[in-house]
Protein backbone atom coordinates (compact mmCIF):
# COMPACT_ATOMS: atom_id res chain seq x y z
CA MET A 1 63.16 114.04 175.19
CA TYR A 2 65.64 113.95 171.86
CA LYS A 3 64.35 117.16 171.21
CA ALA A 4 66.39 118.57 174.43
CA PHE A 5 69.21 116.45 173.70
CA TYR A 6 69.56 117.88 170.43
CA SER A 7 68.92 121.27 170.78
CA LEU A 8 65.57 121.08 168.72
CA SER A 9 63.01 123.63 168.95
CA ALA A 10 60.18 121.50 167.36
CA THR A 11 59.20 117.91 165.94
CA PRO A 12 60.80 117.24 163.32
CA PHE A 13 59.54 114.36 160.43
CA THR A 14 56.09 114.72 161.68
CA LYS A 15 52.98 114.05 159.19
CA ASP A 16 50.96 117.34 160.18
CA LEU A 17 54.00 118.80 158.42
CA LYS A 18 52.66 122.23 156.51
CA THR A 19 52.10 122.09 153.04
CA SER A 20 54.14 125.37 152.94
CA ASN A 21 57.02 123.53 154.24
CA SER A 22 57.45 120.78 151.86
CA PHE A 23 60.58 119.62 150.48
CA ALA A 24 60.56 120.06 147.05
CA SER A 25 61.73 116.69 145.51
CA THR A 26 61.22 115.81 141.55
CA SER A 27 58.49 113.78 142.12
CA PHE A 28 56.70 116.52 144.31
CA THR A 29 57.22 118.99 141.85
CA GLU A 30 56.13 116.92 139.18
CA VAL A 31 53.32 115.51 140.65
CA SER A 32 52.38 119.05 141.86
CA ALA A 33 52.62 120.45 138.20
CA ARG A 34 50.34 117.89 136.71
CA LEU A 35 47.66 118.70 139.17
CA ASP A 36 47.85 122.32 138.32
CA TYR A 37 47.58 121.33 134.69
CA LEU A 38 44.47 119.22 136.17
CA LYS A 39 42.82 122.19 137.78
CA LYS A 40 43.51 124.35 134.18
CA ALA A 41 41.76 121.71 131.81
CA ARG A 42 39.56 120.18 134.25
CA GLY A 43 38.33 116.73 134.23
CA MET A 44 39.72 113.00 135.27
CA GLY A 45 43.26 112.37 136.20
CA LEU A 46 45.04 109.48 138.09
CA LEU A 47 47.71 109.20 140.48
CA VAL A 48 49.60 106.08 142.05
CA GLY A 49 52.11 105.25 144.48
CA GLU A 50 53.47 102.85 146.85
CA PRO A 51 52.86 103.35 150.04
CA GLY A 52 54.70 106.53 152.00
CA ALA A 53 55.11 107.64 148.58
CA GLY A 54 53.75 110.68 149.45
CA LYS A 55 50.44 110.72 147.57
CA THR A 56 47.83 112.17 150.85
CA PHE A 57 50.33 114.82 151.60
CA SER A 58 50.39 115.71 147.85
CA LEU A 59 46.86 115.61 147.16
CA ARG A 60 46.15 117.94 150.31
CA ASN A 61 48.79 120.41 148.91
CA PHE A 62 46.97 120.38 145.97
CA ALA A 63 43.72 120.82 147.93
CA GLU A 64 45.09 123.77 150.01
CA SER A 65 46.18 125.40 147.03
CA LEU A 66 43.10 126.17 145.36
CA ASN A 67 40.59 128.88 145.92
CA PRO A 68 37.92 128.02 148.02
CA SER A 69 35.35 130.36 146.48
CA LEU A 70 36.14 128.76 143.07
CA TYR A 71 37.01 125.16 144.18
CA LYS A 72 34.69 122.79 145.95
CA VAL A 73 36.76 120.12 147.43
CA ILE A 74 35.33 116.30 148.18
CA TYR A 75 37.53 113.99 149.73
CA PHE A 76 36.26 110.79 150.15
CA PRO A 77 38.34 107.11 150.22
CA LEU A 78 36.54 104.03 148.84
CA SER A 79 37.44 102.22 151.89
CA THR A 80 34.64 104.05 153.62
CA GLY A 81 31.57 101.81 153.94
CA THR A 82 30.16 100.56 151.36
CA VAL A 83 29.48 101.58 147.16
CA MET A 84 26.52 103.19 148.10
CA ASP A 85 27.48 104.47 151.15
CA PHE A 86 30.87 106.36 148.56
CA PHE A 87 28.12 107.62 146.09
CA ARG A 88 26.10 109.13 148.96
CA GLY A 89 29.05 110.93 150.44
CA LEU A 90 29.40 112.34 147.41
CA ALA A 91 25.82 113.86 147.09
CA ILE A 92 26.44 114.58 151.02
CA GLY A 93 29.65 116.49 150.10
CA LEU A 94 27.83 118.80 147.53
CA GLY A 95 25.22 119.84 149.95
CA GLU A 96 22.61 117.51 148.92
CA GLU A 97 20.21 114.96 150.86
CA PRO A 98 21.00 111.39 149.31
CA LYS A 99 18.30 109.94 146.83
CA PHE A 100 17.51 106.23 147.88
CA ARG A 101 17.74 104.75 144.26
CA LYS A 102 21.36 104.85 142.29
CA VAL A 103 20.11 105.81 139.40
CA ASP A 104 17.76 109.15 141.29
CA LEU A 105 21.26 109.45 143.19
CA PHE A 106 23.44 109.51 139.77
CA HIS A 107 20.99 112.70 138.54
CA GLN A 108 21.10 114.20 141.66
CA ILE A 109 25.39 114.01 142.11
CA GLN A 110 25.55 115.29 138.47
CA ARG A 111 22.53 118.13 138.74
CA ALA A 112 24.53 119.25 141.64
CA VAL A 113 28.01 119.46 139.92
CA LEU A 114 26.33 121.77 137.09
CA VAL A 115 24.89 123.79 139.43
CA TYR A 116 27.66 124.70 141.56
CA PHE A 117 29.80 124.99 137.85
CA ARG A 118 26.80 126.78 135.95
CA GLU A 119 25.52 129.13 138.52
CA ARG A 120 27.88 129.35 141.42
CA LYS A 121 31.05 129.75 139.42
CA ILE A 122 32.26 127.23 141.23
CA THR A 123 34.01 123.79 140.00
CA PRO A 124 33.58 120.70 142.71
CA VAL A 125 37.14 118.93 142.80
CA PHE A 126 36.32 114.92 143.60
CA ILE A 127 39.62 113.39 145.01
CA LEU A 128 38.37 109.59 145.33
CA ASP A 129 41.39 107.59 147.37
CA GLU A 130 41.90 103.76 148.10
CA MET A 131 40.99 103.19 144.74
CA GLN A 132 42.81 100.02 144.19
CA MET A 133 39.92 98.73 145.80
CA ALA A 134 36.89 99.62 143.26
CA ARG A 135 35.36 96.64 141.36
CA ASN A 136 35.00 96.55 137.70
CA LEU A 137 31.58 97.47 137.76
CA PHE A 138 32.14 100.69 140.06
CA LEU A 139 34.69 102.27 137.85
CA HIS A 140 32.00 101.64 135.36
CA ASP A 141 29.79 103.58 137.63
CA LEU A 142 31.86 106.48 137.76
CA SER A 143 32.68 106.49 133.92
CA ILE A 144 28.85 106.74 133.81
CA LEU A 145 28.42 109.17 136.83
CA PHE A 146 31.02 111.68 135.31
CA ASN A 147 29.61 112.15 131.83
CA PHE A 148 28.28 115.37 131.20
CA GLY A 149 26.46 116.49 127.71
CA MET A 150 27.67 112.77 126.03
CA ASP A 151 31.31 113.91 126.97
CA SER A 152 31.52 117.14 125.13
CA GLU A 153 32.10 119.26 129.03
CA SER A 154 33.69 118.57 132.08
CA PRO A 155 32.59 120.78 134.92
CA PHE A 156 34.75 119.19 137.70
CA ILE A 157 37.99 117.52 138.70
CA LEU A 158 38.33 114.09 139.46
CA ILE A 159 40.83 112.59 140.89
CA LEU A 160 41.80 108.78 141.09
CA ALA A 161 44.41 108.08 143.95
CA GLY A 162 45.75 104.98 144.68
CA LEU A 163 48.18 102.10 144.88
CA PRO A 164 50.18 101.15 141.86
CA ASN A 165 47.89 98.14 140.98
CA LEU A 166 45.33 100.47 140.08
CA GLN A 167 46.95 101.47 136.68
CA SER A 168 47.34 98.49 136.01
CA LYS A 169 43.68 97.33 136.43
CA LEU A 170 42.46 100.53 134.35
CA THR A 171 44.55 98.86 131.09
CA LEU A 172 41.94 96.38 131.00
CA ASN A 173 39.22 96.05 128.43
CA HIS A 174 35.85 96.69 130.19
CA ASN A 175 37.56 99.64 132.31
CA ARG A 176 38.61 101.28 128.70
CA PRO A 177 35.85 103.86 129.20
CA ILE A 178 37.45 105.44 132.33
CA SER A 179 41.07 105.09 131.35
CA GLN A 180 40.51 106.64 127.82
CA ARG A 181 38.99 109.71 129.58
CA LEU A 182 42.08 110.34 131.76
CA ILE A 183 43.85 113.54 130.86
CA MET A 184 46.79 113.27 133.64
CA ARG A 185 48.50 110.60 134.58
CA TYR A 186 51.55 110.16 137.04
CA LYS A 187 53.10 107.62 139.32
CA MET A 188 55.10 108.78 142.35
CA GLU A 189 58.58 107.78 142.77
CA PRO A 190 60.85 107.72 145.55
CA LEU A 191 63.80 110.17 146.52
CA ASN A 192 66.81 109.48 145.25
CA LYS A 193 69.91 109.31 147.64
CA GLU A 194 70.69 113.11 147.21
CA GLU A 195 67.24 114.03 147.66
CA VAL A 196 67.06 111.64 150.99
CA ALA A 197 70.08 113.96 152.42
CA ASN A 198 68.42 117.04 151.71
CA TYR A 199 65.20 115.79 152.83
CA ILE A 200 66.39 115.24 156.01
CA GLN A 201 68.65 118.16 156.39
CA HIS A 202 65.17 120.15 155.55
CA HIS A 203 63.31 118.23 158.24
CA MET A 204 66.12 119.01 160.87
CA GLU A 205 66.53 122.86 159.90
CA LEU A 206 62.14 123.08 160.05
CA ALA A 207 62.99 121.76 163.44
CA GLY A 208 65.57 123.96 164.46
CA ALA A 209 68.79 122.09 163.90
CA ARG A 210 71.60 124.30 164.21
CA HIS A 211 74.13 122.04 163.86
CA GLN A 212 74.67 118.01 161.59
CA ILE A 213 73.02 115.63 163.70
CA PHE A 214 72.81 112.75 160.87
CA SER A 215 76.02 111.33 159.70
CA GLU A 216 76.78 110.60 155.94
CA PRO A 217 77.00 107.30 156.77
CA ALA A 218 74.02 106.95 158.44
CA VAL A 219 72.03 108.93 156.30
CA SER A 220 73.29 106.00 153.55
CA ALA A 221 71.82 103.55 155.50
CA ILE A 222 68.79 105.13 156.11
CA THR A 223 68.19 105.60 152.37
CA SER A 224 69.06 101.68 152.25
CA HIS A 225 66.49 100.49 154.71
CA SER A 226 64.22 103.07 153.14
CA ARG A 227 64.42 102.91 149.54
CA GLY A 228 63.54 106.73 149.27
CA TRP A 229 60.27 106.55 150.71
CA PRO A 230 59.16 109.57 152.37
CA HIS A 231 57.03 108.03 154.95
CA LEU A 232 59.43 105.06 155.94
CA ILE A 233 62.34 107.97 155.99
CA ASN A 234 60.25 109.75 158.74
CA ASN A 235 59.96 106.77 160.83
CA LEU A 236 63.25 105.59 160.66
CA ALA A 237 64.94 109.13 161.00
CA THR A 238 62.63 109.59 164.08
CA ASN A 239 63.38 106.18 165.14
CA CYS A 240 67.19 107.05 165.14
CA LEU A 241 66.44 110.09 166.91
CA LEU A 242 65.33 108.26 169.74
CA SER A 243 67.98 105.65 169.59
CA GLY A 244 70.12 108.51 169.30
CA TYR A 245 69.14 109.91 172.56
CA GLN A 246 68.87 106.85 174.56
CA MET A 247 72.70 106.04 173.62
CA LYS A 248 73.96 109.68 174.40
CA LYS A 249 74.91 109.57 170.98
CA GLU A 250 75.21 113.42 169.98
CA LEU A 251 75.89 112.70 166.08
CA ILE A 252 73.66 109.44 164.76
CA ASP A 253 76.06 107.13 163.18
CA GLU A 254 75.76 103.85 161.32
CA GLU A 255 75.23 101.91 164.70
CA VAL A 256 72.11 104.09 165.76
CA VAL A 257 70.62 103.19 162.27
CA ARG A 258 70.97 99.60 163.12
CA VAL A 259 69.67 99.81 166.07
CA ALA A 260 66.61 101.72 164.93
CA VAL A 261 65.94 99.21 161.90
CA GLN A 262 66.31 96.46 164.40
CA GLU A 263 62.99 97.50 166.32
CA MET A 264 61.01 98.50 163.53
CA SER A 265 61.88 95.40 162.15
CA MET A 266 62.98 96.56 159.01
């Protein structure tokens, strides 16, 4: 539909964007640098951000940057199943047949991590997502599970990711054991006005745009309604292209953005 109308060779603002085509915003560049530090130092890190801030994309970019002969990536969202299912998932990710009792399961995971690190020379990388849902007891369990050599070594990389309230939860006294072991913390920020304009232009160029399609007032309106969050920018810009096509507007203006916003109930 709108691809032909706007002479585009590809669909812009898709979530399956290759990480090599990512837009280097200030936040994305900073989180990439923090994750690179965590890779070199090993240990625990924290990544938080509002929905649509780009956490998952940043984590995918990090995971894809790791040499599979040197790193073993295990991604697990807490929202999948029960807490025991979560720990069993970690064991399965390490190639183990999960034990039944929690204490046996913990020893099994720890042994598997040490085998990977010491014998295979491979660093296990655990990316635990949706951690804002974690209960305090679960966070305490994590601090025990990822304690090696009486906390004298870190044969792993552990990234706790979630919404901003995860950061607040970790400030509570009973979560101090795991909070004090975090060597990297980062909260993703929205794009500023200039970055939103460059972000839209970047995605349109990737899609093969040869001329300006979004007017400056339209970009300003998108910035205002999306508040600079990449996921909202993607959705709103896509709806603007659809509305612009239906309205036969070769240049997307404020009117098109207004119609798209109404249709999205933003």
